[in-house]
C-alpha atoms as a PDB file:
ATOM      1  CA  MET A   1     151.265 148.114 132.351  1.00  0.00           C
ATOM      2  CA  LYS A   2     148.501 145.532 132.791  1.00  0.00           C
ATOM      3  CA  THR A   3     148.945 142.193 134.532  1.00  0.00           C
ATOM      4  CA  LYS A   4     146.888 140.519 131.802  1.00  0.00           C
ATOM      5  CA  ASP A   5     149.573 141.522 129.270  1.00  0.00           C
ATOM      6  CA  PHE A   6     151.703 138.729 130.761  1.00  0.00           C
ATOM      7  CA  PHE A   7     149.138 135.970 130.338  1.00  0.00           C
ATOM      8  CA  PHE A   8     149.698 132.968 128.100  1.00  0.00           C
ATOM      9  CA  ASN A   9     147.845 129.682 127.746  1.00  0.00           C
ATOM     10  CA  LEU A  10     149.721 126.862 129.409  1.00  0.00           C
ATOM     11  CA  PRO A  11     148.337 123.308 129.126  1.00  0.00           C
ATOM     12  CA  ASP A  12     148.625 121.139 132.223  1.00  0.00           C
ATOM     13  CA  TYR A  13     150.735 118.560 130.395  1.00  0.00           C
ATOM     14  CA  ALA A  14     153.528 121.118 129.968  1.00  0.00           C
ATOM     15  CA  ILE A  15     153.990 121.497 133.740  1.00  0.00           C
ATOM     16  CA  ALA A  16     156.713 119.105 134.899  1.00  0.00           C
ATOM     17  CA  GLN A  17     155.413 116.955 137.739  1.00  0.00           C
ATOM     18  CA  PHE A  18     158.669 115.035 138.222  1.00  0.00           C
ATOM     19  CA  PRO A  19     162.340 115.781 137.646  1.00  0.00           C
ATOM     20  CA  THR A  20     164.123 114.217 134.714  1.00  0.00           C
ATOM     21  CA  GLU A  21     165.385 110.687 135.361  1.00  0.00           C
ATOM     22  CA  LYS A  22     168.912 112.043 135.551  1.00  0.00           C
ATOM     23  CA  ARG A  23     169.839 115.478 136.892  1.00  0.00           C
ATOM     24  CA  GLY A  24     171.036 117.750 134.113  1.00  0.00           C
ATOM     25  CA  ASP A  25     169.196 115.921 131.351  1.00  0.00           C
ATOM     26  CA  SER A  26     167.139 118.933 130.275  1.00  0.00           C
ATOM     27  CA  LYS A  27     166.566 121.093 127.242  1.00  0.00           C
ATOM     28  CA  LEU A  28     168.065 124.578 127.038  1.00  0.00           C
ATOM     29  CA  MET A  29     166.779 127.459 124.961  1.00  0.00           C
ATOM     30  CA  LEU A  30     169.373 130.128 124.182  1.00  0.00           C
ATOM     31  CA  ILE A  31     167.825 133.574 123.810  1.00  0.00           C
ATOM     32  CA  ASP A  32     169.738 136.386 122.133  1.00  0.00           C
ATOM     33  CA  ARG A  33     167.943 139.480 123.410  1.00  0.00           C
ATOM     34  CA  LYS A  34     169.786 141.799 121.023  1.00  0.00           C
ATOM     35  CA  THR A  35     169.073 139.993 117.745  1.00  0.00           C
ATOM     36  CA  LYS A  36     165.733 138.587 118.961  1.00  0.00           C
ATOM     37  CA  GLN A  37     166.687 135.050 117.993  1.00  0.00           C
ATOM     38  CA  TYR A  38     166.426 131.776 119.896  1.00  0.00           C
ATOM     39  CA  PHE A  39     168.218 128.454 119.549  1.00  0.00           C
ATOM     40  CA  HIS A  40     167.708 124.972 121.001  1.00  0.00           C
ATOM     41  CA  TYR A  41     170.373 123.073 122.945  1.00  0.00           C
ATOM     42  CA  HIS A  42     170.893 120.583 125.753  1.00  0.00           C
ATOM     43  CA  ILE A  43     172.009 121.730 129.214  1.00  0.00           C
ATOM     44  CA  SER A  44     175.387 120.099 128.615  1.00  0.00           C
ATOM     45  CA  ALA A  45     176.116 122.790 125.996  1.00  0.00           C
ATOM     46  CA  LEU A  46     175.924 125.574 128.578  1.00  0.00           C
ATOM     47  CA  PRO A  47     179.684 126.061 129.162  1.00  0.00           C
ATOM     48  CA  ASP A  48     180.279 126.605 125.434  1.00  0.00           C
ATOM     49  CA  LEU A  49     177.471 129.175 125.223  1.00  0.00           C
ATOM     50  CA  ILE A  50     178.995 131.448 127.857  1.00  0.00           C
ATOM     51  CA  GLU A  51     182.005 133.686 127.159  1.00  0.00           C
ATOM     52  CA  ARG A  52     185.284 132.743 128.803  1.00  0.00           C
ATOM     53  CA  ASP A  53     186.113 134.892 131.843  1.00  0.00           C
ATOM     54  CA  SER A  54     182.431 135.480 132.553  1.00  0.00           C
ATOM     55  CA  LEU A  55     181.244 135.357 136.164  1.00  0.00           C
ATOM     56  CA  LEU A  56     178.379 132.979 136.906  1.00  0.00           C
ATOM     57  CA  VAL A  57     176.609 133.764 140.204  1.00  0.00           C
ATOM     58  CA  PHE A  58     174.543 131.119 142.033  1.00  0.00           C
ATOM     59  CA  ASN A  59     172.181 131.115 145.009  1.00  0.00           C
ATOM     60  CA  ASN A  60     173.363 128.465 147.489  1.00  0.00           C
ATOM     61  CA  SER A  61     170.321 128.588 149.778  1.00  0.00           C
ATOM     62  CA  LYS A  62     169.164 125.167 150.978  1.00  0.00           C
ATOM     63  CA  VAL A  63     165.509 124.147 151.171  1.00  0.00           C
ATOM     64  CA  ARG A  64     164.276 123.142 154.604  1.00  0.00           C
ATOM     65  CA  LYS A  65     161.691 120.401 155.128  1.00  0.00           C
ATOM     66  CA  ALA A  66     159.212 123.086 155.978  1.00  0.00           C
ATOM     67  CA  ARG A  67     155.869 121.313 155.529  1.00  0.00           C
ATOM     68  CA  ILE A  68     154.498 119.683 158.701  1.00  0.00           C
ATOM     69  CA  SER A  69     151.024 118.457 159.642  1.00  0.00           C
ATOM     70  CA  ALA A  70     149.444 118.866 163.069  1.00  0.00           C
ATOM     71  CA  ILE A  71     146.149 117.976 164.770  1.00  0.00           C
ATOM     72  CA  SER A  72     143.782 120.714 165.934  1.00  0.00           C
ATOM     73  CA  GLN A  73     143.129 120.347 169.650  1.00  0.00           C
ATOM     74  CA  ILE A  74     139.615 121.745 169.106  1.00  0.00           C
ATOM     75  CA  SER A  75     138.300 119.901 166.054  1.00  0.00           C
ATOM     76  CA  GLY A  76     140.696 116.959 165.836  1.00  0.00           C
ATOM     77  CA  THR A  77     141.260 117.652 162.129  1.00  0.00           C
ATOM     78  CA  GLU A  78     144.636 117.524 160.430  1.00  0.00           C
ATOM     79  CA  VAL A  79     146.099 120.911 159.521  1.00  0.00           C
ATOM     80  CA  GLU A  80     149.182 121.533 157.364  1.00  0.00           C
ATOM     81  CA  PHE A  81     151.659 124.266 158.265  1.00  0.00           C
ATOM     82  CA  LEU A  82     154.553 125.635 156.257  1.00  0.00           C
ATOM     83  CA  PHE A  83     157.414 126.847 158.461  1.00  0.00           C
ATOM     84  CA  LEU A  84     158.818 130.009 156.869  1.00  0.00           C
ATOM     85  CA  LYS A  85     160.980 131.866 159.344  1.00  0.00           C
ATOM     86  CA  LYS A  86     162.390 131.125 162.792  1.00  0.00           C
ATOM     87  CA  LEU A  87     161.786 134.112 165.063  1.00  0.00           C
ATOM     88  CA  ASN A  88     163.378 132.495 168.142  1.00  0.00           C
ATOM     89  CA  ASP A  89     163.856 128.963 169.533  1.00  0.00           C
ATOM     90  CA  VAL A  90     160.144 128.435 170.192  1.00  0.00           C
ATOM     91  CA  THR A  91     158.453 130.841 167.759  1.00  0.00           C
ATOM     92  CA  TRP A  92     158.013 130.540 163.993  1.00  0.00           C
ATOM     93  CA  GLU A  93     156.287 132.446 161.238  1.00  0.00           C
ATOM     94  CA  THR A  94     154.153 129.983 159.280  1.00  0.00           C
ATOM     95  CA  LEU A  95     151.744 129.759 156.407  1.00  0.00           C
ATOM     96  CA  VAL A  96     148.699 127.566 156.952  1.00  0.00           C
ATOM     97  CA  LYS A  97     145.911 126.299 154.740  1.00  0.00           C
ATOM     98  CA  LYS A  98     142.484 127.887 155.313  1.00  0.00           C
ATOM     99  CA  ALA A  99     144.200 130.640 157.275  1.00  0.00           C
ATOM    100  CA  LYS A 100     140.946 132.475 158.100  1.00  0.00           C
ATOM    101  CA  GLN A 101     139.932 129.530 160.267  1.00  0.00           C
ATOM    102  CA  ARG A 102     143.196 129.610 162.238  1.00  0.00           C
ATOM    103  CA  LYS A 103     142.659 132.167 164.988  1.00  0.00           C
ATOM    104  CA  VAL A 104     144.828 133.487 167.821  1.00  0.00           C
ATOM    105  CA  GLY A 105     144.613 131.063 170.738  1.00  0.00           C
ATOM    106  CA  SER A 106     144.107 127.974 168.555  1.00  0.00           C
ATOM    107  CA  LYS A 107     146.307 125.088 169.675  1.00  0.00           C
ATOM    108  CA  TYR A 108     147.693 122.201 167.654  1.00  0.00           C
ATOM    109  CA  THR A 109     149.550 118.980 168.463  1.00  0.00           C
ATOM    110  CA  PHE A 110     152.631 118.345 166.340  1.00  0.00           C
ATOM    111  CA  ALA A 111     154.947 115.332 166.118  1.00  0.00           C
ATOM    112  CA  ASP A 112     156.665 114.226 169.359  1.00  0.00           C
ATOM    113  CA  SER A 113     153.718 115.636 171.351  1.00  0.00           C
ATOM    114  CA  VAL A 114     154.797 119.217 170.727  1.00  0.00           C
ATOM    115  CA  THR A 115     152.067 121.811 171.274  1.00  0.00           C
ATOM    116  CA  GLY A 116     151.900 124.963 169.177  1.00  0.00           C
ATOM    117  CA  GLU A 117     149.624 127.941 169.762  1.00  0.00           C
ATOM    118  CA  ILE A 118     148.820 130.717 167.317  1.00  0.00           C
ATOM    119  CA  ILE A 119     149.783 133.974 169.046  1.00  0.00           C
ATOM    120  CA  GLU A 120     149.511 136.434 166.161  1.00  0.00           C
ATOM    121  CA  GLU A 121     147.795 136.821 162.782  1.00  0.00           C
ATOM    122  CA  LYS A 122     149.684 138.681 160.045  1.00  0.00           C
ATOM    123  CA  GLY A 123     147.515 138.617 156.934  1.00  0.00           C
ATOM    124  CA  GLU A 124     147.910 135.154 155.426  1.00  0.00           C
ATOM    125  CA  TYR A 125     150.653 134.283 157.931  1.00  0.00           C
ATOM    126  CA  ARG A 126     150.380 132.900 161.475  1.00  0.00           C
ATOM    127  CA  ILE A 127     152.931 133.261 164.279  1.00  0.00           C
ATOM    128  CA  ILE A 128     153.083 130.101 166.379  1.00  0.00           C
ATOM    129  CA  SER A 129     154.652 129.662 169.811  1.00  0.00           C
ATOM    130  CA  PHE A 130     155.692 126.126 170.799  1.00  0.00           C
ATOM    131  CA  ASP A 131     156.187 124.487 174.188  1.00  0.00           C
ATOM    132  CA  LYS A 132     159.495 122.992 173.030  1.00  0.00           C
ATOM    133  CA  ILE A 133     162.412 124.114 170.882  1.00  0.00           C
ATOM    134  CA  ILE A 134     161.713 123.696 167.161  1.00  0.00           C
ATOM    135  CA  ASP A 135     164.989 123.627 165.226  1.00  0.00           C
ATOM    136  CA  GLU A 136     166.194 122.396 161.853  1.00  0.00           C
ATOM    137  CA  ASN A 137     166.792 118.916 163.267  1.00  0.00           C
ATOM    138  CA  TYR A 138     163.121 118.706 164.230  1.00  0.00           C
ATOM    139  CA  LEU A 139     162.038 119.822 160.759  1.00  0.00           C
ATOM    140  CA  GLU A 140     164.467 117.414 159.095  1.00  0.00           C
ATOM    141  CA  LYS A 141     163.025 114.537 161.149  1.00  0.00           C
ATOM    142  CA  HIS A 142     159.319 115.328 160.822  1.00  0.00           C
ATOM    143  CA  GLY A 143     158.946 117.676 157.870  1.00  0.00           C
ATOM    144  CA  HIS A 144     158.396 117.216 154.165  1.00  0.00           C
ATOM    145  CA  ILE A 145     159.919 118.958 151.160  1.00  0.00           C
ATOM    146  CA  PRO A 146     157.633 121.915 150.259  1.00  0.00           C
ATOM    147  CA  LEU A 147     156.943 121.161 146.618  1.00  0.00           C
ATOM    148  CA  PRO A 148     155.253 124.038 144.749  1.00  0.00           C
ATOM    149  CA  PRO A 149     151.437 124.012 144.520  1.00  0.00           C
ATOM    150  CA  TYR A 150     151.504 123.309 140.772  1.00  0.00           C
ATOM    151  CA  ILE A 151     153.137 119.917 141.407  1.00  0.00           C
ATOM    152  CA  LYS A 152     150.018 117.852 142.000  1.00  0.00           C
ATOM    153  CA  ARG A 153     151.430 114.964 144.007  1.00  0.00           C
ATOM    154  CA  ASN A 154     152.930 114.133 147.376  1.00  0.00           C
ATOM    155  CA  ASP A 155     156.657 114.464 147.849  1.00  0.00           C
ATOM    156  CA  THR A 156     158.850 111.358 147.698  1.00  0.00           C
ATOM    157  CA  LYS A 157     162.315 110.424 148.940  1.00  0.00           C
ATOM    158  CA  ASP A 158     163.617 111.307 145.488  1.00  0.00           C
ATOM    159  CA  ASP A 159     162.481 114.904 146.012  1.00  0.00           C
ATOM    160  CA  ASP A 160     164.706 115.169 149.102  1.00  0.00           C
ATOM    161  CA  GLU A 161     167.646 115.120 146.701  1.00  0.00           C
ATOM    162  CA  ARG A 162     166.252 116.490 143.451  1.00  0.00           C
ATOM    163  CA  TYR A 163     164.461 119.541 144.889  1.00  0.00           C
ATOM    164  CA  GLN A 164     167.847 120.688 146.189  1.00  0.00           C
ATOM    165  CA  THR A 165     170.834 122.043 144.279  1.00  0.00           C
ATOM    166  CA  VAL A 166     174.091 120.078 144.439  1.00  0.00           C
ATOM    167  CA  TYR A 167     175.789 123.162 145.903  1.00  0.00           C
ATOM    168  CA  ALA A 168     173.107 123.977 148.499  1.00  0.00           C
ATOM    169  CA  LYS A 169     174.814 125.135 151.672  1.00  0.00           C
ATOM    170  CA  THR A 170     172.855 127.476 153.940  1.00  0.00           C
ATOM    171  CA  ILE A 171     169.439 126.221 155.021  1.00  0.00           C
ATOM    172  CA  GLY A 172     166.485 128.588 155.087  1.00  0.00           C
ATOM    173  CA  SER A 173     164.440 128.465 151.871  1.00  0.00           C
ATOM    174  CA  SER A 174     160.777 127.505 151.622  1.00  0.00           C
ATOM    175  CA  ALA A 175     161.178 126.848 147.902  1.00  0.00           C
ATOM    176  CA  ALA A 176     164.170 125.842 145.815  1.00  0.00           C
ATOM    177  CA  PRO A 177     166.105 128.339 143.688  1.00  0.00           C
ATOM    178  CA  THR A 178     165.068 126.085 140.845  1.00  0.00           C
ATOM    179  CA  ALA A 179     167.327 127.330 138.048  1.00  0.00           C
ATOM    180  CA  GLY A 180     170.162 125.698 139.965  1.00  0.00           C
ATOM    181  CA  LEU A 181     168.545 122.270 139.914  1.00  0.00           C
ATOM    182  CA  HIS A 182     169.983 121.629 136.433  1.00  0.00           C
ATOM    183  CA  PHE A 183     173.608 121.802 137.570  1.00  0.00           C
ATOM    184  CA  THR A 184     175.578 118.641 138.262  1.00  0.00           C
ATOM    185  CA  LYS A 185     179.082 118.436 139.674  1.00  0.00           C
ATOM    186  CA  GLU A 186     180.254 117.437 136.187  1.00  0.00           C
ATOM    187  CA  LEU A 187     178.639 120.507 134.630  1.00  0.00           C
ATOM    188  CA  LEU A 188     180.202 122.760 137.258  1.00  0.00           C
ATOM    189  CA  SER A 189     183.605 121.226 136.460  1.00  0.00           C
ATOM    190  CA  ALA A 190     183.069 121.841 132.743  1.00  0.00           C
ATOM    191  CA  ILE A 191     182.200 125.453 133.509  1.00  0.00           C
ATOM    192  CA  ALA A 192     185.407 125.870 135.510  1.00  0.00           C
ATOM    193  CA  ASN A 193     187.473 124.211 132.776  1.00  0.00           C
ATOM    194  CA  ARG A 194     185.992 126.649 130.272  1.00  0.00           C
ATOM    195  CA  GLY A 195     187.519 129.499 132.297  1.00  0.00           C
ATOM    196  CA  ILE A 196     184.214 130.737 133.676  1.00  0.00           C
ATOM    197  CA  GLU A 197     184.412 132.043 137.227  1.00  0.00           C
ATOM    198  CA  THR A 198     181.722 131.184 139.801  1.00  0.00           C
ATOM    199  CA  ALA A 199     180.483 132.876 142.956  1.00  0.00           C
ATOM    200  CA  PHE A 200     177.701 132.250 145.453  1.00  0.00           C
ATOM    201  CA  ILE A 201     175.187 134.481 147.202  1.00  0.00           C
ATOM    202  CA  THR A 202     172.522 133.324 149.652  1.00  0.00           C
ATOM    203  CA  LEU A 203     168.912 134.420 149.332  1.00  0.00           C
ATOM    204  CA  HIS A 204     166.333 132.401 151.229  1.00  0.00           C
ATOM    205  CA  VAL A 205     163.372 131.911 148.924  1.00  0.00           C
ATOM    206  CA  GLY A 206     160.033 132.692 150.555  1.00  0.00           C
ATOM    207  CA  LEU A 207     156.538 131.713 149.508  1.00  0.00           C
ATOM    208  CA  GLY A 208     156.096 135.164 148.051  1.00  0.00           C
ATOM    209  CA  THR A 209     157.742 133.798 144.931  1.00  0.00           C
ATOM    210  CA  PHE A 210     154.474 131.929 144.232  1.00  0.00           C
ATOM    211  CA  LEU A 211     152.084 134.728 145.160  1.00  0.00           C
ATOM    212  CA  PRO A 212     150.068 135.855 142.140  1.00  0.00           C
ATOM    213  CA  VAL A 213     149.884 139.456 141.005  1.00  0.00           C
ATOM    214  CA  ARG A 214     146.314 140.329 141.977  1.00  0.00           C
ATOM    215  CA  THR A 215     146.366 143.979 140.907  1.00  0.00           C
ATOM    216  CA  GLU A 216     145.112 145.068 137.504  1.00  0.00           C
ATOM    217  CA  SER A 217     148.194 147.230 136.955  1.00  0.00           C
ATOM    218  CA  ILE A 218     151.538 145.632 137.773  1.00  0.00           C
ATOM    219  CA  GLU A 219     152.798 148.932 139.206  1.00  0.00           C
ATOM    220  CA  ASP A 220     150.309 148.524 142.077  1.00  0.00           C
ATOM    221  CA  HIS A 221     151.660 145.123 143.130  1.00  0.00           C
ATOM    222  CA  VAL A 222     153.535 145.068 146.444  1.00  0.00           C
ATOM    223  CA  MET A 223     156.557 142.792 146.252  1.00  0.00           C
ATOM    224  CA  HIS A 224     157.430 140.397 149.068  1.00  0.00           C
ATOM    225  CA  LYS A 225     160.601 140.876 151.123  1.00  0.00           C
ATOM    226  CA  GLU A 226     163.388 138.318 151.106  1.00  0.00           C
ATOM    227  CA  TYR A 227     166.678 138.266 152.994  1.00  0.00           C
ATOM    228  CA  PHE A 228     170.066 137.747 151.383  1.00  0.00           C
ATOM    229  CA  THR A 229     173.715 137.516 152.377  1.00  0.00           C
ATOM    230  CA  ILE A 230     176.810 138.296 150.298  1.00  0.00           C
ATOM    231  CA  ASP A 231     180.229 137.482 151.726  1.00  0.00           C
ATOM    232  CA  GLU A 232     183.448 139.378 151.103  1.00  0.00           C
ATOM    233  CA  ASP A 233     184.851 136.900 148.579  1.00  0.00           C
ATOM    234  CA  THR A 234     181.762 137.022 146.365  1.00  0.00           C
ATOM    235  CA  ALA A 235     181.516 140.812 146.650  1.00  0.00           C
ATOM    236  CA  GLN A 236     185.125 141.190 145.490  1.00  0.00           C
ATOM    237  CA  LYS A 237     184.596 138.799 142.556  1.00  0.00           C
ATOM    238  CA  ILE A 238     181.559 140.763 141.383  1.00  0.00           C
ATOM    239  CA  GLU A 239     183.228 144.157 141.713  1.00  0.00           C
ATOM    240  CA  LYS A 240     186.339 142.921 139.910  1.00  0.00           C
ATOM    241  CA  ALA A 241     184.324 141.398 137.044  1.00  0.00           C
ATOM    242  CA  LYS A 242     182.332 144.606 136.678  1.00  0.00           C
ATOM    243  CA  SER A 243     185.407 146.827 136.673  1.00  0.00           C
ATOM    244  CA  GLU A 244     187.071 144.624 134.041  1.00  0.00           C
ATOM    245  CA  GLY A 245     184.000 144.627 131.808  1.00  0.00           C
ATOM    246  CA  ARG A 246     183.462 140.874 132.070  1.00  0.00           C
ATOM    247  CA  LYS A 247     179.980 139.402 131.712  1.00  0.00           C
ATOM    248  CA  ILE A 248     178.055 138.762 134.936  1.00  0.00           C
ATOM    249  CA  ILE A 249     175.388 136.082 134.528  1.00  0.00           C
ATOM    250  CA  ALA A 250     172.882 135.281 137.251  1.00  0.00           C
ATOM    251  CA  VAL A 251     171.617 131.754 137.826  1.00  0.00           C
ATOM    252  CA  GLY A 252     167.977 132.234 138.761  1.00  0.00           C
ATOM    253  CA  THR A 253     165.698 135.190 139.383  1.00  0.00           C
ATOM    254  CA  THR A 254     166.533 135.169 143.103  1.00  0.00           C
ATOM    255  CA  THR A 255     170.159 135.849 142.210  1.00  0.00           C
ATOM    256  CA  VAL A 256     169.091 138.685 139.891  1.00  0.00           C
ATOM    257  CA  ARG A 257     167.055 140.341 142.641  1.00  0.00           C
ATOM    258  CA  THR A 258     169.953 139.974 145.075  1.00  0.00           C
ATOM    259  CA  LEU A 259     172.604 141.389 142.756  1.00  0.00           C
ATOM    260  CA  GLU A 260     170.505 144.286 141.518  1.00  0.00           C
ATOM    261  CA  SER A 261     169.558 145.189 145.097  1.00  0.00           C
ATOM    262  CA  ALA A 262     173.091 144.894 146.438  1.00  0.00           C
ATOM    263  CA  TRP A 263     174.787 146.991 143.723  1.00  0.00           C
ATOM    264  CA  GLN A 264     175.056 150.583 144.930  1.00  0.00           C
ATOM    265  CA  ASN A 265     177.396 153.321 143.771  1.00  0.00           C
ATOM    266  CA  GLY A 266     179.761 150.882 142.091  1.00  0.00           C
ATOM    267  CA  THR A 267     180.113 148.484 145.012  1.00  0.00           C
ATOM    268  CA  ILE A 268     178.349 145.443 146.425  1.00  0.00           C
ATOM    269  CA  LYS A 269     176.716 145.602 149.852  1.00  0.00           C
ATOM    270  CA  ARG A 270     178.308 143.030 152.155  1.00  0.00           C
ATOM    271  CA  GLY A 271     176.656 140.965 154.873  1.00  0.00           C
ATOM    272  CA  GLU A 272     172.952 140.418 155.463  1.00  0.00           C
ATOM    273  CA  ASN A 273     170.396 142.657 153.798  1.00  0.00           C
ATOM    274  CA  ALA A 274     166.818 142.465 152.517  1.00  0.00           C
ATOM    275  CA  THR A 275     165.232 143.118 149.153  1.00  0.00           C
ATOM    276  CA  SER A 276     161.697 143.801 148.010  1.00  0.00           C
ATOM    277  CA  ILE A 277     162.768 144.899 144.532  1.00  0.00           C
ATOM    278  CA  PHE A 278     160.162 144.403 141.810  1.00  0.00           C
ATOM    279  CA  ILE A 279     161.701 144.156 138.353  1.00  0.00           C
ATOM    280  CA  TYR A 280     159.379 144.571 135.373  1.00  0.00           C
ATOM    281  CA  PRO A 281     159.646 146.046 131.845  1.00  0.00           C
ATOM    282  CA  GLY A 282     161.108 149.518 131.951  1.00  0.00           C
ATOM    283  CA  TYR A 283     163.676 148.564 134.582  1.00  0.00           C
ATOM    284  CA  THR A 284     167.317 149.318 133.745  1.00  0.00           C
ATOM    285  CA  PHE A 285     169.653 146.542 134.848  1.00  0.00           C
ATOM    286  CA  ASN A 286     172.707 147.900 136.640  1.00  0.00           C
ATOM    287  CA  LEU A 287     174.805 144.791 137.138  1.00  0.00           C
ATOM    288  CA  ILE A 288     173.810 141.593 135.350  1.00  0.00           C
ATOM    289  CA  ASP A 289     174.429 140.911 131.666  1.00  0.00           C
ATOM    290  CA  GLY A 290     172.593 137.623 131.366  1.00  0.00           C
ATOM    291  CA  LEU A 291     170.319 135.160 133.125  1.00  0.00           C
ATOM    292  CA  PHE A 292     170.005 131.383 133.306  1.00  0.00           C
ATOM    293  CA  THR A 293     166.471 130.525 134.423  1.00  0.00           C
ATOM    294  CA  ASN A 294     163.494 128.197 134.094  1.00  0.00           C
ATOM    295  CA  PHE A 295     160.166 128.897 132.392  1.00  0.00           C
ATOM    296  CA  HIS A 296     157.753 130.769 134.651  1.00  0.00           C
ATOM    297  CA  THR A 297     154.043 130.922 135.376  1.00  0.00           C
ATOM    298  CA  PRO A 298     151.656 133.260 133.513  1.00  0.00           C
ATOM    299  CA  GLU A 299     151.168 136.719 135.044  1.00  0.00           C
ATOM    300  CA  SER A 300     153.921 136.113 137.616  1.00  0.00           C
ATOM    301  CA  THR A 301     156.539 138.551 138.888  1.00  0.00           C
ATOM    302  CA  LEU A 302     159.177 136.109 137.596  1.00  0.00           C
ATOM    303  CA  LEU A 303     157.825 136.317 134.054  1.00  0.00           C
ATOM    304  CA  MET A 304     157.796 140.105 134.396  1.00  0.00           C
ATOM    305  CA  LEU A 305     161.456 140.032 135.463  1.00  0.00           C
ATOM    306  CA  VAL A 306     162.635 138.046 132.436  1.00  0.00           C
ATOM    307  CA  SER A 307     160.466 140.274 130.236  1.00  0.00           C
ATOM    308  CA  ALA A 308     162.318 143.286 131.612  1.00  0.00           C
ATOM    309  CA  LEU A 309     165.576 141.707 130.480  1.00  0.00           C
ATOM    310  CA  ALA A 310     164.603 140.397 127.034  1.00  0.00           C
ATOM    311  CA  GLY A 311     161.369 142.229 126.159  1.00  0.00           C
ATOM    312  CA  LYS A 312     157.825 141.082 126.889  1.00  0.00           C
ATOM    313  CA  ASP A 313     156.722 140.301 123.345  1.00  0.00           C
ATOM    314  CA  PHE A 314     159.915 138.426 122.562  1.00  0.00           C
ATOM    315  CA  ILE A 315     159.768 136.406 125.787  1.00  0.00           C
ATOM    316  CA  LEU A 316     156.174 135.411 125.111  1.00  0.00           C
ATOM    317  CA  GLU A 317     157.202 134.404 121.596  1.00  0.00           C
ATOM    318  CA  CYS A 318     159.967 132.238 123.086  1.00  0.00           C
ATOM    319  CA  TYR A 319     157.481 130.660 125.480  1.00  0.00           C
ATOM    320  CA  GLN A 320     155.193 129.717 122.584  1.00  0.00           C
ATOM    321  CA  GLU A 321     158.188 128.208 120.789  1.00  0.00           C
ATOM    322  CA  ALA A 322     159.010 126.239 123.933  1.00  0.00           C
ATOM    323  CA  LEU A 323     155.481 124.855 124.059  1.00  0.00           C
ATOM    324  CA  GLN A 324     155.671 123.811 120.414  1.00  0.00           C
ATOM    325  CA  LYS A 325     159.003 122.081 121.074  1.00  0.00           C
ATOM    326  CA  ASN A 326     157.624 120.258 124.132  1.00  0.00           C
ATOM    327  CA  TYR A 327     159.739 122.021 126.720  1.00  0.00           C
ATOM    328  CA  ARG A 328     158.816 121.279 130.329  1.00  0.00           C
ATOM    329  CA  PHE A 329     157.766 124.223 132.481  1.00  0.00           C
ATOM    330  CA  PHE A 330     158.384 125.406 136.053  1.00  0.00           C
ATOM    331  CA  SER A 331     160.507 123.990 138.900  1.00  0.00           C
ATOM    332  CA  TYR A 332     161.307 120.554 137.466  1.00  0.00           C
ATOM    333  CA  GLY A 333     161.198 121.803 133.882  1.00  0.00           C
ATOM    334  CA  ASP A 334     163.682 122.897 131.230  1.00  0.00           C
ATOM    335  CA  ALA A 335     165.760 126.069 131.117  1.00  0.00           C
ATOM    336  CA  MET A 336     166.597 129.159 129.101  1.00  0.00           C
ATOM    337  CA  LEU A 337     169.756 131.220 128.895  1.00  0.00           C
ATOM    338  CA  ILE A 338     169.221 134.909 128.127  1.00  0.00           C
ATOM    339  CA  LEU A 339     172.291 136.692 126.792  1.00  0.00           C
END
């Protein structure tokens, strides 16, 4: 299957640059993948669109303030780093702009006179060793919210709250699990009152979620690895729902990848694991019955995932309908529910 088969024209004005004035004030497209029909709603209608006794599974990963600038000790220029993964107290895996210019041995001065030195090059990534402990408190004090590259503005104080789900718990993501940004505490209460069960997994979203598919054939694309955790309570809820034939609906593509990777031989893998699963048309879903998600970028692995669930041609038809109805796309955009 060709990558170009997943292309569609997306005008810049359709890409949401800011969140809605009020969280949860978004459009919702309901997609019936069996009848190939779509319907237009508001997010507030979500509880009534989901069957009672269904299980809704969320990703509770919390976004860290991962974007920090430093000064090159050689050139004196400002360089921006994205802190992806803590390897130990003084060593981090980072992503840096103009990576080819950032060589092993290069030193940089960060906030609070912290010195960092590149000690390893791993493709587009750089491993940096610091002369002081760099923890989440340091990032919270000096870092910025890592807004996606298609949001063409600097982050604001408002993003500290809005680019984070209301149920975010475990810090570690470099990008928000954005499908969850629509949920308010009131909406979660309405879901519970409807008799819909909820559960939470944790998958820390890496920058691989934004990496384009550069291969001509999608089968040749190598998927990024992400780490997830499923606790005993969530595992039992999922297994029970599956055994009872109740609907299991994932909130976000990260949750889909976690659930499909963790489901083996009729049980859910507990604890911490990793996934590099690549879901595209032809994939047979083993666990989920539905998906609540945002609208995704052309030729992306996320668009390929939703196409696997609802059919490529039908999904692209729905996307064109969304454009005609002035839906907002991507992280701060509107949502769709695929059932």
